[in-house]
């Protein structure tokens, strides 16, 4: 309904709205796609700008959405916003590719397996926005330590994605000056493998740690708990391959024969 209100108000694209009210384009896109429930102030700004005749109905829907938000993770949405303005982002992942580093086929395969209808143009736009954030000259330091399993366990067991995913990451490493990646090999000297987590620091806000498990996640609060994740990060970073050695591993994985991505467009609903 917010999308319809925008179109009725004469704004065919997000660009003019973003220019006028100061929202980021990814934020506005996620709100219209149902990936982010707008805060009261965000909703008020949009409705005041659009002046829809059904404003009361939209406000009522927003209230009900805040009371029942299946499939939405507010903490994850907060993480995405914090990553854009942070000074440093550190990610550890055990068996998945971080969202910002996923290639097109990896993303589409996840949608297919989950049976979730989607708009291909919106998926591509969100994907390109994440890549653009990584390539910003003034963006945060984006540091990743990923277990070797992350590059071998593809969605649905589709090993044809392995090479394409490695090629994609190598391309990002060449074009994103503030991105670094280290591979944690199976023989690495670590006491255990933790669940996936992200540490966000700086940006004028308190440090944040977000832990992801399956499709769920949660924010880790408290100075002691945050310090535990920071210490673990130091352990796995030290035990992982160097940046240069990790690139060699990716290059070897990239030698696998990729399958043309065009064949996956038919799964878009």
Protein backbone atom coordinates (compact mmCIF):
# COMPACT_ATOMS: atom_id res chain seq x y z
CA UNK A 1 0.00 0.00 0.00
CA UNK A 2 2.94 2.32 0.59
CA UNK A 3 4.16 1.53 -2.90
CA UNK A 4 0.73 2.36 -4.30
CA UNK A 5 0.70 5.60 -2.29
CA UNK A 6 4.07 6.56 -3.79
CA UNK A 7 2.91 5.86 -7.34
CA UNK A 8 -0.38 7.71 -6.80
CA UNK A 9 1.59 10.69 -5.50
CA UNK A 10 3.44 10.79 -8.82
CA UNK A 11 6.76 9.24 -7.86
CA UNK A 12 7.50 6.44 -10.32
CA UNK A 13 10.88 5.62 -8.79
CA UNK A 14 12.47 5.71 -5.36
CA UNK A 15 15.08 8.25 -6.44
CA UNK A 16 12.95 11.39 -6.12
CA UNK A 17 11.47 10.29 -2.80
CA UNK A 18 14.93 9.61 -1.39
CA UNK A 19 16.10 13.03 -2.57
CA UNK A 20 13.17 14.82 -0.93
CA UNK A 21 12.89 13.07 2.47
CA UNK A 22 16.41 11.80 3.09
CA UNK A 23 15.70 8.07 3.33
CA UNK A 24 18.31 5.74 1.89
CA UNK A 25 17.15 3.93 -1.24
CA UNK A 26 17.74 0.43 0.24
CA UNK A 27 15.65 1.40 3.31
CA UNK A 28 12.73 2.57 1.19
CA UNK A 29 13.00 -0.54 -0.98
CA UNK A 30 12.97 -2.87 2.04
CA UNK A 31 9.94 -1.09 3.51
CA UNK A 32 7.95 -1.50 0.29
CA UNK A 33 8.97 -5.15 -0.04
CA UNK A 34 7.88 -5.97 3.50
CA UNK A 35 11.44 -6.68 4.64
CA UNK A 36 11.37 -3.79 7.12
CA UNK A 37 8.49 -2.46 9.16
CA UNK A 38 8.79 1.34 9.21
CA UNK A 39 9.13 3.01 12.58
CA UNK A 40 6.39 5.43 13.62
CA UNK A 41 8.54 8.40 12.57
CA UNK A 42 9.44 6.81 9.22
CA UNK A 43 5.81 6.01 8.48
CA UNK A 44 4.72 9.53 9.46
CA UNK A 45 7.33 11.03 7.13
CA UNK A 46 6.21 8.88 4.20
CA UNK A 47 2.49 9.46 4.73
CA UNK A 48 2.95 13.20 5.17
CA UNK A 49 4.92 13.29 1.93
CA UNK A 50 2.51 11.10 -0.08
CA UNK A 51 -0.77 12.41 1.44
CA UNK A 52 -2.72 9.22 0.59
CA UNK A 53 -6.50 9.26 0.99
CA UNK A 54 -6.32 5.93 2.86
CA UNK A 55 -3.76 7.13 5.42
CA UNK A 56 -5.74 5.81 8.38
CA UNK A 57 -5.93 2.34 6.82
CA UNK A 58 -2.17 2.25 6.24
CA UNK A 59 -1.50 3.40 9.81
CA UNK A 60 -3.76 0.64 11.12
CA UNK A 61 -1.91 -1.97 9.05
CA UNK A 62 1.41 -0.70 10.41
CA UNK A 63 0.19 -1.10 13.99
CA UNK A 64 -0.90 -4.66 13.32
CA UNK A 65 2.37 -5.44 11.54
CA UNK A 66 4.36 -4.32 14.58
CA UNK A 67 2.28 -6.62 16.78
CA UNK A 68 2.83 -9.65 14.53
CA UNK A 69 5.96 -9.76 12.39
CA UNK A 70 6.44 -13.35 11.13
CA UNK A 71 9.58 -13.83 9.06
CA UNK A 72 11.00 -10.43 9.92
CA UNK A 73 14.00 -10.01 12.17
CA UNK A 74 14.23 -6.43 13.49
CA UNK A 75 17.71 -7.11 14.90
CA UNK A 76 18.95 -8.14 11.47
CA UNK A 77 17.46 -5.01 9.91
CA UNK A 78 19.25 -2.96 12.56
CA UNK A 79 22.48 -4.77 11.71
CA UNK A 80 22.13 -3.92 8.01
CA UNK A 81 21.65 -0.23 8.84
CA UNK A 82 24.53 -0.19 11.32
CA UNK A 83 26.91 -1.81 8.83
CA UNK A 84 26.46 1.13 6.46
CA UNK A 85 27.72 3.74 8.94
CA UNK A 86 30.16 1.69 11.03
CA UNK A 87 33.92 2.17 11.11
CA UNK A 88 34.61 -1.56 11.18
CA UNK A 89 32.61 -4.72 10.46
CA UNK A 90 33.99 -8.13 11.43
CA UNK A 91 32.21 -11.30 10.33
CA UNK A 92 32.85 -14.92 11.23
CA UNK A 93 30.95 -17.58 9.32
CA UNK A 94 31.13 -21.33 9.69
CA UNK A 95 29.09 -22.80 6.81
CA UNK A 96 27.55 -19.98 4.79
CA UNK A 97 28.61 -17.10 2.58
CA UNK A 98 27.91 -13.69 4.18
CA UNK A 99 24.99 -11.98 2.44
CA UNK A 100 27.10 -9.15 1.03
CA UNK A 101 29.45 -11.66 -0.64
CA UNK A 102 26.86 -14.00 -2.16
CA UNK A 103 26.76 -14.38 -5.93
CA UNK A 104 23.50 -14.24 -7.87
CA UNK A 105 23.05 -18.00 -8.20
CA UNK A 106 23.66 -18.56 -4.48
CA UNK A 107 20.93 -16.04 -3.61
CA UNK A 108 18.40 -17.35 -6.14
CA UNK A 109 18.96 -20.95 -5.06
CA UNK A 110 18.08 -20.03 -1.48
CA UNK A 111 14.80 -18.44 -2.63
CA UNK A 112 13.98 -21.51 -4.71
CA UNK A 113 14.59 -23.95 -1.86
CA UNK A 114 12.60 -21.84 0.60
CA UNK A 115 9.68 -21.68 -1.84
CA UNK A 116 9.44 -17.90 -1.45
CA UNK A 117 7.97 -15.92 -4.40
CA UNK A 118 10.09 -12.89 -5.25
CA UNK A 119 10.63 -10.12 -7.73
CA UNK A 120 13.86 -10.77 -9.63
CA UNK A 121 14.46 -7.05 -10.21
CA UNK A 122 14.19 -6.34 -6.48
CA UNK A 123 16.53 -9.19 -5.58
CA UNK A 124 19.09 -7.97 -8.11
CA UNK A 125 18.75 -4.39 -6.86
CA UNK A 126 19.30 -5.40 -3.23
CA UNK A 127 22.25 -7.57 -4.27
CA UNK A 128 23.86 -4.74 -6.23
CA UNK A 129 23.27 -2.30 -3.36
CA UNK A 130 25.21 -4.54 -0.97
CA UNK A 131 28.08 -4.82 -3.45
CA UNK A 132 28.08 -1.04 -3.95
CA UNK A 133 28.33 -0.52 -0.18
CA UNK A 134 31.42 -2.73 -0.09
CA UNK A 135 33.07 -0.70 -2.86
CA UNK A 136 32.60 2.69 -1.21
CA UNK A 137 35.92 4.45 -0.66
CA UNK A 138 34.72 5.81 2.68
CA UNK A 139 32.91 2.64 3.78
CA UNK A 140 33.77 0.59 6.86
CA UNK A 141 36.62 -1.86 7.08
CA UNK A 142 34.81 -5.10 6.18
CA UNK A 143 36.76 -8.10 7.49
CA UNK A 144 35.62 -11.70 7.02
CA UNK A 145 36.93 -14.95 8.46
CA UNK A 146 35.13 -17.88 6.85
CA UNK A 147 35.56 -21.59 7.39
CA UNK A 148 36.45 -23.59 4.29
CA UNK A 149 33.01 -25.19 4.71
CA UNK A 150 31.45 -21.86 3.78
CA UNK A 151 32.81 -22.17 0.24
CA UNK A 152 31.90 -25.83 -0.21
CA UNK A 153 28.44 -26.16 1.35
CA UNK A 154 26.26 -24.60 -1.33
CA UNK A 155 22.44 -24.22 -1.05
CA UNK A 156 20.78 -27.48 -1.97
CA UNK A 157 24.16 -29.18 -2.33
CA UNK A 158 24.60 -27.62 -5.77
CA UNK A 159 28.36 -27.94 -6.24
CA UNK A 160 28.08 -26.16 -9.57
CA UNK A 161 27.82 -22.93 -7.57
CA UNK A 162 31.20 -23.37 -5.87
CA UNK A 163 33.32 -22.03 -8.71
CA UNK A 164 30.97 -19.19 -9.56
CA UNK A 165 30.81 -18.09 -5.93
CA UNK A 166 34.61 -18.10 -5.67
CA UNK A 167 34.90 -16.02 -8.87
CA UNK A 168 32.38 -13.54 -7.48
CA UNK A 169 34.31 -13.07 -4.23
CA UNK A 170 37.61 -12.68 -6.09
CA UNK A 171 35.98 -9.92 -8.12
CA UNK A 172 34.83 -8.16 -4.96
CA UNK A 173 38.29 -8.41 -3.45
CA UNK A 174 39.67 -6.71 -6.56
CA UNK A 175 37.17 -3.85 -6.48
CA UNK A 176 36.40 -3.30 -2.78
CA UNK A 177 39.53 -1.74 -1.22
CA UNK A 178 38.28 -2.04 2.36
CA UNK A 179 37.26 -5.71 2.10
CA UNK A 180 39.48 -8.51 3.38
CA UNK A 181 38.83 -12.22 3.66
CA UNK A 182 40.67 -15.05 5.42
CA UNK A 183 39.86 -18.74 5.03
CA UNK A 184 39.84 -20.89 8.15
CA UNK A 185 41.05 -24.31 7.04
CA UNK A 186 39.91 -27.58 8.62
CA UNK A 187 43.32 -28.12 10.22
CA UNK A 188 43.33 -24.66 11.84
CA UNK A 189 44.33 -24.61 15.50
CA UNK A 190 41.04 -23.47 17.07
CA UNK A 191 39.27 -24.90 20.14
CA UNK A 192 35.82 -25.05 18.50
CA UNK A 193 33.75 -23.55 15.69
CA UNK A 194 31.33 -20.88 16.89
CA UNK A 195 28.00 -19.93 15.35
CA UNK A 196 28.05 -17.17 12.73
CA UNK A 197 28.33 -13.67 14.15
CA UNK A 198 29.05 -10.08 13.16
CA UNK A 199 30.78 -7.42 15.26
CA UNK A 200 29.98 -3.82 14.32
CA UNK A 201 32.02 -1.02 15.86
CA UNK A 202 32.11 2.76 15.46
CA UNK A 203 29.76 4.99 13.58
CA UNK A 204 29.05 6.99 16.71
CA UNK A 205 27.10 4.13 18.33
CA UNK A 206 27.87 1.41 20.91
CA UNK A 207 29.44 -1.80 19.68
CA UNK A 208 26.95 -4.39 18.43
CA UNK A 209 27.25 -8.16 18.04
CA UNK A 210 24.67 -10.07 16.01
CA UNK A 211 24.68 -13.88 16.04
CA UNK A 212 22.92 -15.84 13.32
CA UNK A 213 21.68 -19.41 13.56
CA UNK A 214 19.69 -20.86 10.69
CA UNK A 215 17.01 -18.34 9.70
CA UNK A 216 16.98 -16.74 13.14
CA UNK A 217 19.35 -14.40 14.88
CA UNK A 218 19.75 -12.30 17.98
CA UNK A 219 21.75 -9.39 19.30
CA UNK A 220 24.37 -10.16 21.92
CA UNK A 221 24.36 -7.47 24.59
CA UNK A 222 26.58 -6.77 27.56
CA UNK A 223 30.24 -5.82 27.65
CA UNK A 224 31.40 -9.26 28.80
CA UNK A 225 29.53 -11.14 26.06
CA UNK A 226 30.76 -8.75 23.38
CA UNK A 227 34.34 -9.15 24.59
CA UNK A 228 33.97 -12.94 24.37
CA UNK A 229 33.11 -12.67 20.68
CA UNK A 230 35.96 -10.22 20.10
CA UNK A 231 38.43 -12.64 21.71
CA UNK A 232 37.10 -15.49 19.59
CA UNK A 233 37.46 -13.31 16.49
CA UNK A 234 41.13 -12.73 17.36
CA UNK A 235 41.64 -16.49 17.75
CA UNK A 236 40.14 -17.47 14.38
CA UNK A 237 41.75 -14.56 12.54
CA UNK A 238 45.16 -15.63 13.83
CA UNK A 239 44.51 -19.30 12.97
CA UNK A 240 43.17 -18.56 9.47
CA UNK A 241 45.21 -18.27 6.29
CA UNK A 242 46.63 -14.91 5.35
CA UNK A 243 44.72 -12.73 2.91
CA UNK A 244 47.10 -13.73 0.11
CA UNK A 245 46.89 -17.45 0.94
CA UNK A 246 43.09 -17.22 1.09
CA UNK A 247 43.01 -15.73 -2.38
CA UNK A 248 44.94 -18.76 -3.66
CA UNK A 249 42.31 -21.07 -2.13
CA UNK A 250 39.55 -19.09 -3.85
CA UNK A 251 41.39 -19.21 -7.16
CA UNK A 252 41.58 -23.00 -6.94
CA UNK A 253 37.85 -23.21 -6.20
CA UNK A 254 37.18 -20.85 -9.10
CA UNK A 255 38.59 -23.43 -11.50
CA UNK A 256 35.39 -25.46 -11.12
CA UNK A 257 33.16 -25.21 -14.21
CA UNK A 258 30.40 -22.62 -13.63
CA UNK A 259 26.88 -23.05 -15.07
CA UNK A 260 25.28 -20.05 -16.89
CA UNK A 261 23.16 -18.02 -14.47
CA UNK A 262 20.57 -17.34 -17.20
CA UNK A 263 19.14 -20.78 -16.58
CA UNK A 264 17.95 -19.70 -13.14
CA UNK A 265 15.78 -16.75 -14.21
CA UNK A 266 12.78 -19.03 -14.75
CA UNK A 267 12.41 -19.63 -11.00
CA UNK A 268 11.48 -15.98 -10.35
CA UNK A 269 7.80 -15.72 -9.50
